[in-house]
PDB file of N, CA and C in Angstrom:
ATOM      1  N   MET A   1     121.683 -67.575 -38.350  1.00  0.00           N
ATOM      2  CA  MET A   1     120.480 -68.484 -38.993  1.00  0.00           C
ATOM      3  C   MET A   1     119.720 -67.868 -39.498  1.00  0.00           C
ATOM      4  N   ASN A   2     119.310 -67.960 -40.801  1.00  0.00           N
ATOM      5  CA  ASN A   2     118.459 -67.211 -41.880  1.00  0.00           C
ATOM      6  C   ASN A   2     116.606 -67.603 -41.042  1.00  0.00           C
ATOM      7  N   PRO A   3     115.976 -66.837 -41.296  1.00  0.00           N
ATOM      8  CA  PRO A   3     114.168 -67.400 -40.042  1.00  0.00           C
ATOM      9  C   PRO A   3     113.894 -68.304 -41.919  1.00  0.00           C
ATOM     10  N   ASN A   4     113.810 -68.423 -42.652  1.00  0.00           N
ATOM     11  CA  ASN A   4     113.669 -68.994 -43.384  1.00  0.00           C
ATOM     12  C   ASN A   4     113.765 -70.000 -43.845  1.00  0.00           C
ATOM     13  N   GLN A   5     115.881 -70.328 -43.832  1.00  0.00           N
ATOM     14  CA  GLN A   5     115.730 -71.894 -43.262  1.00  0.00           C
ATOM     15  C   GLN A   5     115.057 -72.725 -43.577  1.00  0.00           C
ATOM     16  N   PRO A   6     114.450 -73.289 -41.809  1.00  0.00           N
ATOM     17  CA  PRO A   6     113.555 -73.965 -41.019  1.00  0.00           C
ATOM     18  C   PRO A   6     112.627 -74.874 -42.812  1.00  0.00           C
ATOM     19  N   GLN A   7     111.939 -73.792 -43.246  1.00  0.00           N
ATOM     20  CA  GLN A   7     111.084 -74.179 -44.275  1.00  0.00           C
ATOM     21  C   GLN A   7     111.915 -74.693 -45.794  1.00  0.00           C
ATOM     22  N   PHE A   8     113.152 -73.932 -45.831  1.00  0.00           N
ATOM     23  CA  PHE A   8     113.915 -74.457 -46.837  1.00  0.00           C
ATOM     24  C   PHE A   8     114.257 -75.726 -47.375  1.00  0.00           C
ATOM     25  N   GLU A   9     114.651 -76.105 -45.808  1.00  0.00           N
ATOM     26  CA  GLU A   9     115.193 -77.618 -45.439  1.00  0.00           C
ATOM     27  C   GLU A   9     114.091 -77.630 -45.322  1.00  0.00           C
ATOM     28  N   THR A  10     112.419 -77.724 -44.441  1.00  0.00           N
ATOM     29  CA  THR A  10     111.560 -78.819 -44.757  1.00  0.00           C
ATOM     30  C   THR A  10     111.097 -79.022 -46.627  1.00  0.00           C
ATOM     31  N   TYR A  11     111.013 -78.309 -47.881  1.00  0.00           N
ATOM     32  CA  TYR A  11     111.176 -78.171 -48.467  1.00  0.00           C
ATOM     33  C   TYR A  11     111.548 -79.241 -49.619  1.00  0.00           C
ATOM     34  N   TRP A  12     112.743 -78.912 -48.434  1.00  0.00           N
ATOM     35  CA  TRP A  12     113.253 -79.891 -49.584  1.00  0.00           C
ATOM     36  C   TRP A  12     113.276 -81.404 -48.999  1.00  0.00           C
ATOM     37  N   ARG A  13     113.377 -81.473 -47.724  1.00  0.00           N
ATOM     38  CA  ARG A  13     113.511 -83.213 -47.862  1.00  0.00           C
ATOM     39  C   ARG A  13     112.283 -83.991 -47.749  1.00  0.00           C
ATOM     40  N   LYS A  14     111.071 -82.813 -47.438  1.00  0.00           N
ATOM     41  CA  LYS A  14     109.846 -83.749 -48.197  1.00  0.00           C
ATOM     42  C   LYS A  14     110.125 -84.023 -49.254  1.00  0.00           C
ATOM     43  N   ARG A  15     111.051 -83.127 -50.809  1.00  0.00           N
ATOM     44  CA  ARG A  15     111.305 -83.094 -52.323  1.00  0.00           C
ATOM     45  C   ARG A  15     111.707 -84.273 -52.929  1.00  0.00           C
ATOM     46  N   ILE A  16     112.804 -84.154 -51.538  1.00  0.00           N
ATOM     47  CA  ILE A  16     113.703 -85.463 -51.974  1.00  0.00           C
ATOM     48  C   ILE A  16     112.996 -86.512 -51.174  1.00  0.00           C
ATOM     49  N   SER A  17     112.331 -87.207 -50.138  1.00  0.00           N
ATOM     50  CA  SER A  17     111.653 -87.396 -49.774  1.00  0.00           C
ATOM     51  C   SER A  17     110.791 -88.790 -51.472  1.00  0.00           C
ATOM     52  N   GLU A  18     109.810 -87.697 -51.599  1.00  0.00           N
ATOM     53  CA  GLU A  18     109.001 -88.014 -52.920  1.00  0.00           C
ATOM     54  C   GLU A  18     109.773 -88.208 -53.827  1.00  0.00           C
ATOM     55  N   GLU A  19     110.588 -87.565 -54.135  1.00  0.00           N
ATOM     56  CA  GLU A  19     111.664 -88.062 -55.119  1.00  0.00           C
ATOM     57  C   GLU A  19     112.553 -89.598 -56.022  1.00  0.00           C
ATOM     58  N   THR A  20     112.541 -89.453 -54.232  1.00  0.00           N
ATOM     59  CA  THR A  20     113.728 -90.598 -53.397  1.00  0.00           C
ATOM     60  C   THR A  20     112.781 -92.100 -53.435  1.00  0.00           C
ATOM     61  N   LYS A  21     111.856 -91.666 -52.906  1.00  0.00           N
ATOM     62  CA  LYS A  21     110.783 -92.612 -52.453  1.00  0.00           C
ATOM     63  C   LYS A  21     111.128 -93.576 -50.944  1.00  0.00           C
ATOM     64  N   ILE A  22     112.193 -92.487 -50.392  1.00  0.00           N
ATOM     65  CA  ILE A  22     112.873 -92.871 -49.417  1.00  0.00           C
ATOM     66  C   ILE A  22     112.459 -91.906 -48.144  1.00  0.00           C
ATOM     67  N   ASN A  23     111.626 -92.822 -46.900  1.00  0.00           N
ATOM     68  CA  ASN A  23     110.326 -92.149 -45.672  1.00  0.00           C
ATOM     69  C   ASN A  23     111.809 -91.404 -44.701  1.00  0.00           C
ATOM     70  N   ASN A  24     111.596 -91.393 -43.653  1.00  0.00           N
ATOM     71  CA  ASN A  24     112.432 -90.924 -42.462  1.00  0.00           C
ATOM     72  C   ASN A  24     112.852 -91.229 -42.721  1.00  0.00           C
ATOM     73  N   LYS A  25     114.659 -90.659 -43.840  1.00  0.00           N
ATOM     74  CA  LYS A  25     115.579 -91.820 -43.321  1.00  0.00           C
ATOM     75  C   LYS A  25     115.945 -90.182 -43.480  1.00  0.00           C
ATOM     76  N   GLU A  26     117.098 -89.291 -42.669  1.00  0.00           N
ATOM     77  CA  GLU A  26     117.787 -88.659 -42.413  1.00  0.00           C
ATOM     78  C   GLU A  26     118.788 -88.142 -43.626  1.00  0.00           C
ATOM     79  N   ILE A  27     118.878 -87.119 -44.597  1.00  0.00           N
ATOM     80  CA  ILE A  27     119.571 -86.814 -45.751  1.00  0.00           C
ATOM     81  C   ILE A  27     120.351 -86.043 -44.661  1.00  0.00           C
ATOM     82  N   ASP A  28     121.854 -86.215 -45.062  1.00  0.00           N
ATOM     83  CA  ASP A  28     122.766 -84.912 -44.948  1.00  0.00           C
ATOM     84  C   ASP A  28     123.814 -84.507 -45.583  1.00  0.00           C
ATOM     85  N   PHE A  29     123.721 -83.564 -46.286  1.00  0.00           N
ATOM     86  CA  PHE A  29     124.517 -82.799 -46.547  1.00  0.00           C
ATOM     87  C   PHE A  29     124.958 -83.741 -48.087  1.00  0.00           C
ATOM     88  N   TYR A  30     125.563 -84.406 -47.595  1.00  0.00           N
ATOM     89  CA  TYR A  30     126.676 -84.644 -48.761  1.00  0.00           C
ATOM     90  C   TYR A  30     125.229 -86.204 -49.624  1.00  0.00           C
ATOM     91  N   GLY A  31     124.166 -85.896 -49.167  1.00  0.00           N
ATOM     92  CA  GLY A  31     123.340 -87.014 -49.046  1.00  0.00           C
ATOM     93  C   GLY A  31     122.570 -86.183 -49.942  1.00  0.00           C
ATOM     94  N   TRP A  32     122.295 -85.256 -49.976  1.00  0.00           N
ATOM     95  CA  TRP A  32     121.996 -84.185 -50.136  1.00  0.00           C
ATOM     96  C   TRP A  32     122.172 -84.040 -52.212  1.00  0.00           C
ATOM     97  N   LEU A  33     124.054 -83.191 -52.373  1.00  0.00           N
ATOM     98  CA  LEU A  33     124.180 -83.270 -52.923  1.00  0.00           C
ATOM     99  C   LEU A  33     124.255 -84.863 -53.653  1.00  0.00           C
ATOM    100  N   ASP A  34     124.824 -86.162 -53.381  1.00  0.00           N
ATOM    101  CA  ASP A  34     125.188 -86.947 -54.631  1.00  0.00           C
ATOM    102  C   ASP A  34     123.464 -87.059 -54.823  1.00  0.00           C
ATOM    103  N   PHE A  35     122.353 -86.867 -54.103  1.00  0.00           N
ATOM    104  CA  PHE A  35     121.303 -86.532 -54.846  1.00  0.00           C
ATOM    105  C   PHE A  35     120.000 -85.603 -56.114  1.00  0.00           C
ATOM    106  N   GLY A  36     121.952 -84.895 -55.899  1.00  0.00           N
ATOM    107  CA  GLY A  36     121.241 -83.510 -56.859  1.00  0.00           C
ATOM    108  C   GLY A  36     121.862 -83.709 -57.963  1.00  0.00           C
ATOM    109  N   LYS A  37     123.572 -84.023 -57.703  1.00  0.00           N
ATOM    110  CA  LYS A  37     124.256 -84.727 -59.386  1.00  0.00           C
ATOM    111  C   LYS A  37     123.729 -85.617 -59.071  1.00  0.00           C
ATOM    112  N   GLU A  38     122.543 -87.320 -58.898  1.00  0.00           N
ATOM    113  CA  GLU A  38     122.315 -88.600 -59.545  1.00  0.00           C
ATOM    114  C   GLU A  38     120.808 -87.989 -60.761  1.00  0.00           C
ATOM    115  N   MET A  39     120.361 -86.575 -59.901  1.00  0.00           N
ATOM    116  CA  MET A  39     119.226 -87.073 -61.254  1.00  0.00           C
ATOM    117  C   MET A  39     119.573 -84.968 -61.798  1.00  0.00           C
ATOM    118  N   LYS A  40     120.790 -84.827 -62.054  1.00  0.00           N
ATOM    119  CA  LYS A  40     121.852 -84.033 -63.362  1.00  0.00           C
ATOM    120  C   LYS A  40     121.216 -82.283 -62.663  1.00  0.00           C
ATOM    121  N   TRP A  41     121.257 -82.222 -62.181  1.00  0.00           N
ATOM    122  CA  TRP A  41     120.628 -80.832 -61.174  1.00  0.00           C
ATOM    123  C   TRP A  41     121.608 -79.941 -60.662  1.00  0.00           C
ATOM    124  N   CYS A  42     123.449 -80.788 -60.952  1.00  0.00           N
ATOM    125  CA  CYS A  42     124.479 -80.347 -60.270  1.00  0.00           C
ATOM    126  C   CYS A  42     125.677 -81.295 -60.299  1.00  0.00           C
ATOM    127  N   SER A  43     126.421 -79.754 -60.819  1.00  0.00           N
ATOM    128  CA  SER A  43     128.182 -81.047 -60.777  1.00  0.00           C
ATOM    129  C   SER A  43     128.244 -81.768 -59.991  1.00  0.00           C
ATOM    130  N   ASP A  44     129.511 -81.735 -60.162  1.00  0.00           N
ATOM    131  CA  ASP A  44     130.237 -82.717 -58.287  1.00  0.00           C
ATOM    132  C   ASP A  44     130.919 -80.760 -58.641  1.00  0.00           C
ATOM    133  N   VAL A  45     131.433 -81.134 -57.082  1.00  0.00           N
ATOM    134  CA  VAL A  45     132.301 -80.415 -56.300  1.00  0.00           C
ATOM    135  C   VAL A  45     133.699 -79.909 -57.448  1.00  0.00           C
ATOM    136  N   VAL A  46     133.414 -78.713 -57.180  1.00  0.00           N
ATOM    137  CA  VAL A  46     135.213 -78.285 -57.888  1.00  0.00           C
ATOM    138  C   VAL A  46     135.464 -76.601 -57.628  1.00  0.00           C
ATOM    139  N   CYS A  47     136.410 -76.121 -57.723  1.00  0.00           N
ATOM    140  CA  CYS A  47     137.343 -75.395 -57.253  1.00  0.00           C
ATOM    141  C   CYS A  47     136.659 -74.361 -58.468  1.00  0.00           C
ATOM    142  N   GLU A  48     137.000 -72.941 -58.605  1.00  0.00           N
ATOM    143  CA  GLU A  48     136.378 -72.755 -59.982  1.00  0.00           C
ATOM    144  C   GLU A  48     137.508 -71.537 -60.307  1.00  0.00           C
ATOM    145  N   THR A  49     138.531 -71.339 -58.779  1.00  0.00           N
ATOM    146  CA  THR A  49     139.938 -71.299 -60.150  1.00  0.00           C
ATOM    147  C   THR A  49     140.802 -72.145 -59.862  1.00  0.00           C
ATOM    148  N   HIS A  50     140.790 -72.964 -60.218  1.00  0.00           N
ATOM    149  CA  HIS A  50     141.528 -74.117 -60.440  1.00  0.00           C
ATOM    150  C   HIS A  50     141.111 -75.429 -61.198  1.00  0.00           C
ATOM    151  N   ASP A  51     139.661 -75.280 -61.330  1.00  0.00           N
ATOM    152  CA  ASP A  51     139.079 -76.637 -62.382  1.00  0.00           C
ATOM    153  C   ASP A  51     138.993 -75.950 -62.926  1.00  0.00           C
ATOM    154  N   LEU A  52     137.794 -75.046 -63.304  1.00  0.00           N
ATOM    155  CA  LEU A  52     136.944 -73.963 -63.897  1.00  0.00           C
ATOM    156  C   LEU A  52     136.035 -75.050 -63.675  1.00  0.00           C
ATOM    157  N   VAL A  53     134.403 -74.360 -63.842  1.00  0.00           N
ATOM    158  CA  VAL A  53     133.314 -74.753 -63.949  1.00  0.00           C
ATOM    159  C   VAL A  53     132.664 -76.151 -65.116  1.00  0.00           C
ATOM    160  N   PRO A  54     132.417 -77.006 -64.445  1.00  0.00           N
ATOM    161  CA  PRO A  54     132.367 -77.827 -65.773  1.00  0.00           C
ATOM    162  C   PRO A  54     130.996 -77.565 -66.748  1.00  0.00           C
ATOM    163  N   ILE A  55     130.981 -77.779 -68.014  1.00  0.00           N
ATOM    164  CA  ILE A  55     130.281 -77.554 -68.904  1.00  0.00           C
ATOM    165  C   ILE A  55     130.080 -78.927 -69.628  1.00  0.00           C
ATOM    166  N   THR A  56     128.335 -78.096 -70.285  1.00  0.00           N
ATOM    167  CA  THR A  56     128.235 -79.308 -70.948  1.00  0.00           C
ATOM    168  C   THR A  56     128.403 -80.143 -72.339  1.00  0.00           C
ATOM    169  N   GLU A  57     128.302 -81.480 -72.624  1.00  0.00           N
ATOM    170  CA  GLU A  57     128.787 -81.703 -74.154  1.00  0.00           C
ATOM    171  C   GLU A  57     128.725 -79.956 -74.756  1.00  0.00           C
ATOM    172  N   LYS A  58     127.464 -80.029 -75.194  1.00  0.00           N
ATOM    173  CA  LYS A  58     126.511 -79.529 -76.006  1.00  0.00           C
ATOM    174  C   LYS A  58     126.611 -77.199 -75.869  1.00  0.00           C
ATOM    175  N   GLU A  59     127.564 -77.267 -74.774  1.00  0.00           N
ATOM    176  CA  GLU A  59     128.076 -76.282 -74.073  1.00  0.00           C
ATOM    177  C   GLU A  59     129.156 -75.579 -74.936  1.00  0.00           C
ATOM    178  N   GLU A  60     130.165 -77.186 -74.781  1.00  0.00           N
ATOM    179  CA  GLU A  60     131.312 -77.330 -75.002  1.00  0.00           C
ATOM    180  C   GLU A  60     131.792 -77.320 -76.295  1.00  0.00           C
ATOM    181  N   ARG A  61     131.091 -77.823 -77.862  1.00  0.00           N
ATOM    182  CA  ARG A  61     130.753 -77.824 -78.529  1.00  0.00           C
ATOM    183  C   ARG A  61     129.335 -76.005 -79.311  1.00  0.00           C
ATOM    184  N   MET A  62     128.799 -75.451 -78.585  1.00  0.00           N
ATOM    185  CA  MET A  62     128.599 -74.080 -78.325  1.00  0.00           C
ATOM    186  C   MET A  62     129.918 -72.686 -77.984  1.00  0.00           C
ATOM    187  N   TRP A  63     130.488 -73.459 -77.569  1.00  0.00           N
ATOM    188  CA  TRP A  63     131.985 -72.193 -77.468  1.00  0.00           C
ATOM    189  C   TRP A  63     132.918 -72.736 -78.494  1.00  0.00           C
ATOM    190  N   GLU A  64     132.595 -73.932 -78.863  1.00  0.00           N
ATOM    191  CA  GLU A  64     133.971 -73.775 -79.949  1.00  0.00           C
ATOM    192  C   GLU A  64     133.752 -73.638 -81.379  1.00  0.00           C
ATOM    193  N   LYS A  65     132.051 -73.436 -81.795  1.00  0.00           N
ATOM    194  CA  LYS A  65     131.498 -72.414 -82.638  1.00  0.00           C
ATOM    195  C   LYS A  65     131.671 -70.968 -82.637  1.00  0.00           C
ATOM    196  N   GLY A  66     132.319 -70.547 -81.197  1.00  0.00           N
ATOM    197  CA  GLY A  66     132.193 -69.240 -81.576  1.00  0.00           C
ATOM    198  C   GLY A  66     131.474 -68.656 -80.868  1.00  0.00           C
ATOM    199  N   GLU A  67     130.664 -69.240 -80.094  1.00  0.00           N
ATOM    200  CA  GLU A  67     129.614 -69.149 -79.469  1.00  0.00           C
ATOM    201  C   GLU A  67     129.737 -68.811 -77.459  1.00  0.00           C
ATOM    202  N   ASP A  68     128.900 -67.724 -76.548  1.00  0.00           N
ATOM    203  CA  ASP A  68     129.004 -67.646 -75.540  1.00  0.00           C
ATOM    204  C   ASP A  68     127.967 -68.777 -74.631  1.00  0.00           C
ATOM    205  N   PRO A  69     128.179 -69.666 -74.118  1.00  0.00           N
ATOM    206  CA  PRO A  69     127.113 -70.030 -73.545  1.00  0.00           C
ATOM    207  C   PRO A  69     127.222 -69.880 -71.842  1.00  0.00           C
ATOM    208  N   CYS A  70     126.271 -68.951 -71.565  1.00  0.00           N
ATOM    209  CA  CYS A  70     126.220 -68.618 -70.140  1.00  0.00           C
ATOM    210  C   CYS A  70     126.659 -70.053 -68.658  1.00  0.00           C
ATOM    211  N   CYS A  71     127.206 -70.088 -67.971  1.00  0.00           N
ATOM    212  CA  CYS A  71     127.637 -71.797 -66.654  1.00  0.00           C
ATOM    213  C   CYS A  71     126.899 -70.296 -65.841  1.00  0.00           C
ATOM    214  N   THR A  72     125.913 -70.584 -65.453  1.00  0.00           N
ATOM    215  CA  THR A  72     125.527 -69.769 -63.446  1.00  0.00           C
ATOM    216  C   THR A  72     125.391 -71.275 -62.643  1.00  0.00           C
ATOM    217  N   ILE A  73     126.005 -70.451 -61.437  1.00  0.00           N
ATOM    218  CA  ILE A  73     126.904 -70.956 -60.538  1.00  0.00           C
ATOM    219  C   ILE A  73     126.032 -70.639 -59.599  1.00  0.00           C
ATOM    220  N   VAL A  74     126.512 -71.645 -58.520  1.00  0.00           N
ATOM    221  CA  VAL A  74     126.015 -70.523 -56.995  1.00  0.00           C
ATOM    222  C   VAL A  74     126.799 -71.382 -56.238  1.00  0.00           C
ATOM    223  N   ARG A  75     127.441 -69.815 -55.314  1.00  0.00           N
ATOM    224  CA  ARG A  75     127.834 -70.789 -54.345  1.00  0.00           C
ATOM    225  C   ARG A  75     127.406 -71.330 -53.052  1.00  0.00           C
ATOM    226  N   ILE A  76     127.897 -72.602 -52.646  1.00  0.00           N
ATOM    227  CA  ILE A  76     127.080 -72.623 -51.237  1.00  0.00           C
ATOM    228  C   ILE A  76     127.836 -71.951 -50.121  1.00  0.00           C
ATOM    229  N   TRP A  77     127.171 -71.690 -48.634  1.00  0.00           N
ATOM    230  CA  TRP A  77     128.115 -70.835 -47.622  1.00  0.00           C
ATOM    231  C   TRP A  77     127.548 -71.808 -46.904  1.00  0.00           C
TER     232      TRP A  77
END
């Protein structure tokens, strides 16, 4: 177990509670993910190998113009 995990979870539980005004409610991973999608902090779950990484409309326009927008991703283990 990562020694920083308890502090990480405590920080985000407090932040989520503050942002959503939900107090004393347990939030599981899927609730956390739904909250992130709702706040436009992340995309839905996709398989990069089979579905490719989702891009925004702005990034799509950039791509069509020959630009190369960077799509930063994080894998959750």
